[in-house]
Amino acid sequence: RFSLSDPNGEDDVSTFGFVSENKNV
């Protein structure tokens, strides 16, 4: 579970994602 935060406000968050070394994920 991930909880995002931004000092400038939640509206300032644009992208959340991941990059995996294993392409099967």
PDB file of all heavy atoms in Angstrom:
ATOM      1  N   ARG A   1       0.847  -1.199   0.000  1.00  0.00           N
ATOM      2  CA  ARG A   1       0.000   0.000   0.000  1.00  0.00           C
ATOM      3  C   ARG A   1       0.879   1.244   0.000  1.00  0.00           C
ATOM      4  O   ARG A   1       1.854   1.319   0.757  1.00  0.00           O
ATOM      5  CB  ARG A   1      -0.942  -0.013   1.207  1.00  0.00           C
ATOM      6  CG  ARG A   1      -1.912  -1.173   1.194  1.00  0.00           C
ATOM      7  CD  ARG A   1      -2.897  -1.097   2.355  1.00  0.00           C
ATOM      8  NE  ARG A   1      -2.233  -1.191   3.649  1.00  0.00           N
ATOM      9  CZ  ARG A   1      -1.923  -2.337   4.240  1.00  0.00           C
ATOM     10  NH1 ARG A   1      -2.199  -3.489   3.630  1.00  0.00           N
ATOM     11  NH2 ARG A   1      -1.339  -2.343   5.415  1.00  0.00           N
ATOM     12  N   PHE A   2       0.494   2.200  -0.817  1.00  0.00           N
ATOM     13  CA  PHE A   2       1.266   3.432  -0.981  1.00  0.00           C
ATOM     14  C   PHE A   2       0.391   4.629  -0.625  1.00  0.00           C
ATOM     15  O   PHE A   2      -0.782   4.693  -1.028  1.00  0.00           O
ATOM     16  CB  PHE A   2       1.766   3.585  -2.426  1.00  0.00           C
ATOM     17  CG  PHE A   2       2.646   2.450  -2.883  1.00  0.00           C
ATOM     18  CD1 PHE A   2       2.099   1.314  -3.464  1.00  0.00           C
ATOM     19  CD2 PHE A   2       4.011   2.510  -2.724  1.00  0.00           C
ATOM     20  CE1 PHE A   2       2.891   0.274  -3.877  1.00  0.00           C
ATOM     21  CE2 PHE A   2       4.823   1.467  -3.141  1.00  0.00           C
ATOM     22  CZ  PHE A   2       4.264   0.346  -3.725  1.00  0.00           C
ATOM     23  N   SER A   3       0.973   5.549   0.129  1.00  0.00           N
ATOM     24  CA  SER A   3       0.304   6.801   0.470  1.00  0.00           C
ATOM     25  C   SER A   3       1.166   7.950  -0.042  1.00  0.00           C
ATOM     26  O   SER A   3       2.326   8.110   0.380  1.00  0.00           O
ATOM     27  CB  SER A   3       0.105   6.903   1.986  1.00  0.00           C
ATOM     28  OG  SER A   3      -0.504   8.123   2.327  1.00  0.00           O
ATOM     29  N   LEU A   4       0.629   8.734  -0.960  1.00  0.00           N
ATOM     30  CA  LEU A   4       1.384   9.823  -1.591  1.00  0.00           C
ATOM     31  C   LEU A   4       1.124  11.136  -0.862  1.00  0.00           C
ATOM     32  O   LEU A   4       0.039  11.358  -0.300  1.00  0.00           O
ATOM     33  CB  LEU A   4       0.981   9.962  -3.057  1.00  0.00           C
ATOM     34  CG  LEU A   4       0.911   8.670  -3.890  1.00  0.00           C
ATOM     35  CD1 LEU A   4       0.590   9.000  -5.343  1.00  0.00           C
ATOM     36  CD2 LEU A   4       2.194   7.886  -3.782  1.00  0.00           C
ATOM     37  N   SER A   5       2.117  12.001  -0.892  1.00  0.00           N
ATOM     38  CA  SER A   5       1.976  13.320  -0.300  1.00  0.00           C
ATOM     39  C   SER A   5       2.830  14.314  -1.085  1.00  0.00           C
ATOM     40  O   SER A   5       3.838  13.938  -1.703  1.00  0.00           O
ATOM     41  CB  SER A   5       2.394  13.315   1.173  1.00  0.00           C
ATOM     42  OG  SER A   5       3.757  12.949   1.313  1.00  0.00           O
ATOM     43  N   ASP A   6       2.395  15.583  -1.029  1.00  0.00           N
ATOM     44  CA  ASP A   6       3.136  16.645  -1.715  1.00  0.00           C
ATOM     45  C   ASP A   6       3.049  17.905  -0.864  1.00  0.00           C
ATOM     46  O   ASP A   6       1.945  18.307  -0.448  1.00  0.00           O
ATOM     47  CB  ASP A   6       2.544  16.907  -3.107  1.00  0.00           C
ATOM     48  CG  ASP A   6       3.452  17.774  -3.962  1.00  0.00           C
ATOM     49  OD1 ASP A   6       3.764  18.897  -3.530  1.00  0.00           O
ATOM     50  OD2 ASP A   6       3.859  17.315  -5.043  1.00  0.00           O
ATOM     51  N   PRO A   7       4.186  18.518  -0.562  1.00  0.00           N
ATOM     52  CA  PRO A   7       4.146  19.748   0.244  1.00  0.00           C
ATOM     53  C   PRO A   7       3.314  20.861  -0.381  1.00  0.00           C
ATOM     54  O   PRO A   7       2.815  21.735   0.333  1.00  0.00           O
ATOM     55  CB  PRO A   7       5.616  20.145   0.343  1.00  0.00           C
ATOM     56  CG  PRO A   7       6.379  18.895   0.078  1.00  0.00           C
ATOM     57  CD  PRO A   7       5.549  18.119  -0.888  1.00  0.00           C
ATOM     58  N   ASN A   8       3.181  20.824  -1.686  1.00  0.00           N
ATOM     59  CA  ASN A   8       2.417  21.858  -2.370  1.00  0.00           C
ATOM     60  C   ASN A   8       0.948  21.491  -2.552  1.00  0.00           C
ATOM     61  O   ASN A   8       0.221  22.203  -3.230  1.00  0.00           O
ATOM     62  CB  ASN A   8       3.041  22.138  -3.748  1.00  0.00           C
ATOM     63  CG  ASN A   8       4.513  22.479  -3.634  1.00  0.00           C
ATOM     64  OD1 ASN A   8       5.366  21.665  -3.954  1.00  0.00           O
ATOM     65  ND2 ASN A   8       4.812  23.671  -3.136  1.00  0.00           N
ATOM     66  N   GLY A   9       0.552  20.373  -1.982  1.00  0.00           N
ATOM     67  CA  GLY A   9      -0.830  19.959  -2.099  1.00  0.00           C
ATOM     68  C   GLY A   9      -0.971  18.690  -2.919  1.00  0.00           C
ATOM     69  O   GLY A   9      -0.132  18.375  -3.774  1.00  0.00           O
ATOM     70  N   GLU A  10      -2.040  17.963  -2.643  1.00  0.00           N
ATOM     71  CA  GLU A  10      -2.265  16.696  -3.339  1.00  0.00           C
ATOM     72  C   GLU A  10      -2.487  16.897  -4.833  1.00  0.00           C
ATOM     73  O   GLU A  10      -2.168  16.013  -5.634  1.00  0.00           O
ATOM     74  CB  GLU A  10      -3.471  15.987  -2.730  1.00  0.00           C
ATOM     75  CG  GLU A  10      -3.283  15.601  -1.274  1.00  0.00           C
ATOM     76  CD  GLU A  10      -4.505  14.939  -0.690  1.00  0.00           C
ATOM     77  OE1 GLU A  10      -5.531  14.885  -1.407  1.00  0.00           O
ATOM     78  OE2 GLU A  10      -4.450  14.470   0.454  1.00  0.00           O
ATOM     79  N   ASP A  11      -3.021  18.065  -5.223  1.00  0.00           N
ATOM     80  CA  ASP A  11      -3.288  18.298  -6.647  1.00  0.00           C
ATOM     81  C   ASP A  11      -2.015  18.408  -7.452  1.00  0.00           C
ATOM     82  O   ASP A  11      -2.053  18.315  -8.692  1.00  0.00           O
ATOM     83  CB  ASP A  11      -4.121  19.570  -6.821  1.00  0.00           C
ATOM     84  CG  ASP A  11      -5.491  19.433  -6.184  1.00  0.00           C
ATOM     85  OD1 ASP A  11      -5.916  18.277  -6.000  1.00  0.00           O
ATOM     86  OD2 ASP A  11      -6.104  20.460  -5.859  1.00  0.00           O
ATOM     87  N   ASP A  12      -0.889  18.616  -6.767  1.00  0.00           N
ATOM     88  CA  ASP A  12       0.369  18.779  -7.489  1.00  0.00           C
ATOM     89  C   ASP A  12       0.959  17.432  -7.923  1.00  0.00           C
ATOM     90  O   ASP A  12       1.876  17.393  -8.735  1.00  0.00           O
ATOM     91  CB  ASP A  12       1.368  19.535  -6.613  1.00  0.00           C
ATOM     92  CG  ASP A  12       2.530  20.088  -7.422  1.00  0.00           C
ATOM     93  OD1 ASP A  12       2.303  20.598  -8.533  1.00  0.00           O
ATOM     94  OD2 ASP A  12       3.685  19.985  -6.950  1.00  0.00           O
ATOM     95  N   VAL A  13       0.449  16.333  -7.386  1.00  0.00           N
ATOM     96  CA  VAL A  13       0.943  15.007  -7.784  1.00  0.00           C
ATOM     97  C   VAL A  13       0.371  14.665  -9.155  1.00  0.00           C
ATOM     98  O   VAL A  13      -0.841  14.724  -9.371  1.00  0.00           O
ATOM     99  CB  VAL A  13       0.531  13.941  -6.754  1.00  0.00           C
ATOM    100  CG1 VAL A  13       0.995  12.559  -7.215  1.00  0.00           C
ATOM    101  CG2 VAL A  13       1.127  14.261  -5.388  1.00  0.00           C
ATOM    102  N   SER A  14       1.260  14.329 -10.070  1.00  0.00           N
ATOM    103  CA  SER A  14       0.807  14.042 -11.437  1.00  0.00           C
ATOM    104  C   SER A  14       0.929  12.573 -11.811  1.00  0.00           C
ATOM    105  O   SER A  14       0.066  12.028 -12.496  1.00  0.00           O
ATOM    106  CB  SER A  14       1.603  14.879 -12.445  1.00  0.00           C
ATOM    107  OG  SER A  14       2.987  14.522 -12.387  1.00  0.00           O
ATOM    108  N   THR A  15       1.982  11.883 -11.369  1.00  0.00           N
ATOM    109  CA  THR A  15       2.235  10.510 -11.827  1.00  0.00           C
ATOM    110  C   THR A  15       2.783   9.672 -10.686  1.00  0.00           C
ATOM    111  O   THR A  15       3.619  10.137  -9.906  1.00  0.00           O
ATOM    112  CB  THR A  15       3.247  10.487 -12.982  1.00  0.00           C
ATOM    113  OG1 THR A  15       2.807  11.357 -14.015  1.00  0.00           O
ATOM    114  CG2 THR A  15       3.405   9.077 -13.535  1.00  0.00           C
ATOM    115  N   PHE A  16       2.297   8.444 -10.643  1.00  0.00           N
ATOM    116  CA  PHE A  16       2.870   7.445  -9.743  1.00  0.00           C
ATOM    117  C   PHE A  16       2.925   6.126 -10.503  1.00  0.00           C
ATOM    118  O   PHE A  16       1.935   5.688 -11.104  1.00  0.00           O
ATOM    119  CB  PHE A  16       2.030   7.280  -8.472  1.00  0.00           C
ATOM    120  CG  PHE A  16       2.605   6.272  -7.512  1.00  0.00           C
ATOM    121  CD1 PHE A  16       3.753   6.556  -6.800  1.00  0.00           C
ATOM    122  CD2 PHE A  16       2.009   5.034  -7.331  1.00  0.00           C
ATOM    123  CE1 PHE A  16       4.293   5.628  -5.909  1.00  0.00           C
ATOM    124  CE2 PHE A  16       2.532   4.100  -6.455  1.00  0.00           C
ATOM    125  CZ  PHE A  16       3.687   4.405  -5.740  1.00  0.00           C
ATOM    126  N   GLY A  17       4.093   5.486 -10.518  1.00  0.00           N
ATOM    127  CA  GLY A  17       4.254   4.238 -11.261  1.00  0.00           C
ATOM    128  C   GLY A  17       5.466   3.469 -10.785  1.00  0.00           C
ATOM    129  O   GLY A  17       6.048   3.753  -9.732  1.00  0.00           O
ATOM    130  N   PHE A  18       5.868   2.471 -11.565  1.00  0.00           N
ATOM    131  CA  PHE A  18       7.027   1.659 -11.195  1.00  0.00           C
ATOM    132  C   PHE A  18       7.718   1.161 -12.456  1.00  0.00           C
ATOM    133  O   PHE A  18       7.119   1.096 -13.545  1.00  0.00           O
ATOM    134  CB  PHE A  18       6.623   0.474 -10.317  1.00  0.00           C
ATOM    135  CG  PHE A  18       5.827  -0.591 -11.022  1.00  0.00           C
ATOM    136  CD1 PHE A  18       6.452  -1.668 -11.651  1.00  0.00           C
ATOM    137  CD2 PHE A  18       4.434  -0.530 -11.055  1.00  0.00           C
ATOM    138  CE1 PHE A  18       5.713  -2.640 -12.303  1.00  0.00           C
ATOM    139  CE2 PHE A  18       3.695  -1.504 -11.700  1.00  0.00           C
ATOM    140  CZ  PHE A  18       4.336  -2.564 -12.321  1.00  0.00           C
ATOM    141  N   VAL A  19       8.995   0.819 -12.278  1.00  0.00           N
ATOM    142  CA  VAL A  19       9.821   0.228 -13.342  1.00  0.00           C
ATOM    143  C   VAL A  19      10.423  -1.049 -12.768  1.00  0.00           C
ATOM    144  O   VAL A  19      11.087  -1.009 -11.728  1.00  0.00           O
ATOM    145  CB  VAL A  19      10.922   1.191 -13.807  1.00  0.00           C
ATOM    146  CG1 VAL A  19      11.797   0.509 -14.852  1.00  0.00           C
ATOM    147  CG2 VAL A  19      10.321   2.470 -14.357  1.00  0.00           C
ATOM    148  N   SER A  20      10.188  -2.167 -13.453  1.00  0.00           N
ATOM    149  CA  SER A  20      10.656  -3.453 -12.964  1.00  0.00           C
ATOM    150  C   SER A  20      11.771  -4.002 -13.847  1.00  0.00           C
ATOM    151  O   SER A  20      11.733  -3.865 -15.080  1.00  0.00           O
ATOM    152  CB  SER A  20       9.492  -4.459 -12.922  1.00  0.00           C
ATOM    153  OG  SER A  20       9.954  -5.753 -12.583  1.00  0.00           O
ATOM    154  N   GLU A  21      12.765  -4.609 -13.210  1.00  0.00           N
ATOM    155  CA  GLU A  21      13.823  -5.282 -13.959  1.00  0.00           C
ATOM    156  C   GLU A  21      13.286  -6.545 -14.634  1.00  0.00           C
ATOM    157  O   GLU A  21      13.839  -6.961 -15.657  1.00  0.00           O
ATOM    158  CB  GLU A  21      14.971  -5.656 -13.023  1.00  0.00           C
ATOM    159  CG  GLU A  21      15.718  -4.464 -12.456  1.00  0.00           C
ATOM    160  CD  GLU A  21      16.833  -4.878 -11.517  1.00  0.00           C
ATOM    161  OE1 GLU A  21      16.890  -6.072 -11.141  1.00  0.00           O
ATOM    162  OE2 GLU A  21      17.657  -4.020 -11.160  1.00  0.00           O
ATOM    163  N   ASN A  22      12.270  -7.124 -14.080  1.00  0.00           N
ATOM    164  CA  ASN A  22      11.655  -8.315 -14.663  1.00  0.00           C
ATOM    165  C   ASN A  22      10.427  -7.882 -15.457  1.00  0.00           C
ATOM    166  O   ASN A  22       9.485  -7.306 -14.898  1.00  0.00           O
ATOM    167  CB  ASN A  22      11.262  -9.307 -13.558  1.00  0.00           C
ATOM    168  CG  ASN A  22      10.875 -10.662 -14.112  1.00  0.00           C
ATOM    169  OD1 ASN A  22       9.922 -10.777 -14.872  1.00  0.00           O
ATOM    170  ND2 ASN A  22      11.616 -11.702 -13.733  1.00  0.00           N
ATOM    171  N   LYS A  23      10.434  -8.173 -16.729  1.00  0.00           N
ATOM    172  CA  LYS A  23       9.347  -7.719 -17.611  1.00  0.00           C
ATOM    173  C   LYS A  23       8.059  -8.523 -17.432  1.00  0.00           C
ATOM    174  O   LYS A  23       7.034  -8.155 -18.013  1.00  0.00           O
ATOM    175  CB  LYS A  23       9.805  -7.795 -19.075  1.00  0.00           C
ATOM    176  CG  LYS A  23      11.068  -6.990 -19.369  1.00  0.00           C
ATOM    177  CD  LYS A  23      10.914  -5.525 -18.939  1.00  0.00           C
ATOM    178  CE  LYS A  23      12.184  -4.737 -19.203  1.00  0.00           C
ATOM    179  NZ  LYS A  23      12.057  -3.320 -18.739  1.00  0.00           N
ATOM    180  N   ASN A  24       8.106  -9.596 -16.647  1.00  0.00           N
ATOM    181  CA  ASN A  24       6.902 -10.399 -16.441  1.00  0.00           C
ATOM    182  C   ASN A  24       5.985  -9.841 -15.362  1.00  0.00           C
ATOM    183  O   ASN A  24       4.925 -10.398 -15.103  1.00  0.00           O
ATOM    184  CB  ASN A  24       7.285 -11.839 -16.079  1.00  0.00           C
ATOM    185  CG  ASN A  24       7.948 -12.562 -17.242  1.00  0.00           C
ATOM    186  OD1 ASN A  24       7.587 -12.339 -18.399  1.00  0.00           O
ATOM    187  ND2 ASN A  24       8.917 -13.412 -16.945  1.00  0.00           N
ATOM    188  N   VAL A  25       6.420  -8.757 -14.719  1.00  0.00           N
ATOM    189  CA  VAL A  25       5.562  -8.114 -13.727  1.00  0.00           C
ATOM    190  C   VAL A  25       4.586  -7.204 -14.475  1.00  0.00           C
ATOM    191  O   VAL A  25       5.003  -6.257 -15.138  1.00  0.00           O
ATOM    192  CB  VAL A  25       6.381  -7.307 -12.710  1.00  0.00           C
ATOM    193  CG1 VAL A  25       5.458  -6.646 -11.690  1.00  0.00           C
ATOM    194  CG2 VAL A  25       7.391  -8.206 -12.015  1.00  0.00           C
TER     195      VAL A  25
END
